[in-house]
Protein backbone atom coordinates (compact mmCIF):
# COMPACT_ATOMS: atom_id res chain seq x y z
CA MET A 1 100.07 97.77 106.99
CA SER A 2 101.87 100.58 108.82
CA LEU A 3 99.84 103.45 110.08
CA VAL A 4 101.72 106.14 111.60
CA PHE A 5 101.52 109.94 112.61
CA GLU A 6 103.92 112.40 111.98
CA LYS A 7 104.33 116.14 112.06
CA VAL A 8 102.62 117.45 109.12
CA SER A 9 104.68 118.88 106.19
CA SER A 10 103.38 121.38 103.43
CA GLY A 11 103.91 118.70 101.22
CA ASP A 12 101.75 116.32 102.87
CA ILE A 13 98.75 119.02 103.05
CA GLN A 14 99.22 119.55 99.28
CA PHE A 15 99.00 115.81 98.59
CA VAL A 16 96.08 115.16 100.46
CA VAL A 17 94.17 118.42 99.19
CA GLY A 18 94.96 117.19 95.53
CA LYS A 19 93.64 113.91 96.05
CA LEU A 20 90.85 115.06 98.53
CA TRP A 21 87.90 112.67 98.58
CA ASP A 22 84.30 113.63 97.51
CA ARG A 23 83.00 114.31 101.24
CA GLY A 24 85.78 116.56 101.74
CA GLU A 25 85.14 118.56 98.45
CA LYS A 26 81.56 118.69 99.30
CA GLU A 27 82.38 119.99 103.00
CA ALA A 28 84.80 122.46 101.71
CA ALA A 29 82.31 124.22 99.16
CA LYS A 30 79.75 124.29 102.08
CA ALA A 31 82.49 126.18 104.16
CA GLY A 32 82.87 128.79 101.33
CA PHE A 33 86.00 127.56 99.58
CA ASP A 34 85.40 127.80 95.99
CA SER A 35 88.73 125.76 94.99
CA LYS A 36 91.18 123.45 96.22
CA GLU A 37 93.97 126.28 95.81
CA GLN A 38 91.88 128.30 98.69
CA LEU A 39 91.77 125.26 100.92
CA LEU A 40 95.20 124.61 100.77
CA ALA A 41 96.25 128.31 101.57
CA HIS A 42 93.82 128.06 104.57
CA LEU A 43 95.02 124.68 105.72
CA LEU A 44 98.76 125.88 105.48
CA SER A 45 98.15 128.90 107.59
CA LEU A 46 96.69 126.58 110.21
CA SER A 47 99.33 123.96 110.11
CA GLY A 48 101.29 124.82 112.94
CA GLU A 49 102.32 123.57 116.39
CA TYR A 50 99.44 120.77 116.49
CA ALA A 51 99.31 119.54 112.91
CA TYR A 52 99.79 115.97 111.88
CA ALA A 53 99.66 113.86 108.77
CA LEU A 54 98.12 110.37 108.96
CA LYS A 55 100.62 108.12 106.63
CA VAL A 56 99.91 104.43 105.39
CA GLU A 57 103.25 103.04 104.06
CA GLU A 58 104.69 106.79 103.80
CA GLU A 59 101.86 108.06 101.86
CA PRO A 60 99.40 110.66 103.55
CA VAL A 61 95.82 109.79 103.76
CA ALA A 62 94.89 112.50 105.99
CA VAL A 63 96.07 115.53 107.46
CA PHE A 64 94.35 117.15 110.82
CA GLY A 65 95.43 119.36 113.48
CA ALA A 66 94.05 121.99 115.86
CA THR A 67 94.79 125.87 116.17
CA THR A 68 94.39 127.80 119.54
CA SER A 69 91.75 130.39 119.97
CA ASN A 70 92.76 133.78 121.68
CA ARG A 71 92.07 132.16 125.08
CA GLY A 72 94.27 129.19 124.79
CA GLN A 73 92.07 126.61 126.12
CA LEU A 74 89.86 125.99 123.06
CA TYR A 75 91.41 124.58 119.90
CA TYR A 76 89.40 124.77 116.62
CA SER A 77 90.15 121.40 114.87
CA TRP A 78 90.41 120.42 111.32
CA PHE A 79 90.50 117.17 109.31
CA ILE A 80 90.43 116.27 105.53
CA ALA A 81 91.36 112.79 103.85
CA THR A 82 91.72 111.19 100.67
CA ASP A 83 89.74 108.33 99.37
CA GLN A 84 92.70 106.00 100.73
CA PHE A 85 91.44 106.77 104.06
CA ASN A 86 88.18 104.38 103.68
CA LYS A 87 90.68 101.48 103.12
CA VAL A 88 92.26 102.09 106.54
CA GLY A 89 89.19 103.69 108.16
CA LYS A 90 88.55 101.38 111.23
CA GLN A 91 92.10 100.95 112.11
CA ALA A 92 93.08 104.68 111.57
CA THR A 93 90.09 105.78 113.64
CA ARG A 94 91.09 103.68 116.80
CA PHE A 95 94.56 105.20 116.22
CA LEU A 96 93.44 108.68 115.65
CA ARG A 97 91.15 108.19 118.85
CA GLY A 98 94.13 107.13 120.81
CA PHE A 99 96.12 109.75 119.38
CA ILE A 100 93.86 112.84 120.40
CA LYS A 101 93.31 111.14 123.83
CA GLU A 102 97.10 110.98 124.75
CA ARG A 103 97.55 114.56 123.38
CA VAL A 104 94.35 115.93 125.53
CA LYS A 105 95.55 113.93 128.80
CA GLY A 106 96.40 115.70 131.79
CA ARG A 107 94.87 119.15 130.24
CA PRO A 108 91.20 119.44 131.97
CA ASP A 109 90.83 122.99 130.62
CA ALA A 110 91.59 122.19 126.90
CA ARG A 111 88.82 121.76 124.57
CA LEU A 112 88.84 120.60 120.83
CA GLU A 113 86.15 122.29 118.59
CA MET A 114 84.99 120.85 115.39
CA MET A 115 82.62 122.30 112.66
CA SER A 116 81.17 119.73 110.23
CA ALA A 117 79.11 120.05 107.21
CA VAL A 118 79.37 116.44 106.42
CA ASP A 119 76.02 115.06 105.38
CA HIS A 120 77.28 111.17 105.44
CA PRO A 121 75.09 109.23 107.70
CA GLU A 122 77.88 107.86 109.75
CA ALA A 123 79.52 111.03 110.50
CA GLU A 124 78.20 111.74 113.94
CA LYS A 125 78.85 108.14 115.11
CA TRP A 126 82.62 108.65 113.79
CA PHE A 127 82.91 111.99 115.74
CA LYS A 128 81.45 110.06 118.68
CA PHE A 129 83.70 107.30 118.43
CA ILE A 130 86.50 109.53 118.63
CA GLY A 131 85.31 111.16 121.88
CA PHE A 132 83.55 114.37 120.29
CA ARG A 133 80.10 115.03 121.52
CA LYS A 134 77.41 117.01 119.22
CA LEU A 135 76.51 120.73 120.70
CA GLU A 136 72.56 120.08 119.57
CA GLU A 137 71.92 123.66 120.75
CA GLU A 138 74.98 125.24 118.80
CA SER A 139 74.25 123.21 115.60
CA GLU A 140 72.40 125.41 112.79
CA GLY A 141 72.11 125.28 109.10
CA VAL A 142 74.55 122.96 107.19
CA PHE A 143 76.99 123.01 110.23
CA SER A 144 77.02 121.02 113.08
CA ARG A 145 79.35 121.70 116.14
CA TYR A 146 81.15 119.19 118.04
CA ILE A 147 83.39 119.24 121.25
CA TYR A 148 86.15 117.09 122.61
CA GLU A 149 86.85 117.50 126.42
CA GLU A 150 89.03 115.21 128.46
CA LYS A 151 86.88 113.03 130.50
CA ARG A 152 87.10 113.64 134.25
């Protein structure tokens, strides 16, 4: 099975949003998106320099990326997937971990921030494996805040 990361296209985002998995739909609703159209418009607005599609045999199973804050050192990251991600989850997660590490390498000032409303019991382990750490003091309500920083 061939896994690749490619720069994201609007078609990749449309495809993944159209086949968004249950967890993603629930999280989008918690984040205030009332429809897939709203989510799609939001993700299309974020898909700039740091946006990628994870493809299996040329079909996108996830899209993710990061957008810079005003300070240029903090990046707000996002990730959505289809049910097909589950079929390649372990391999894709290892691949994603290496991909993010390589992109952040050599940038000790860069930090990725991720807010998550996922209530799946394995979500925190998944974030931790990729390299994010939960900021307990910053987690409130339905959202948890995670940070990824280059290990020094």
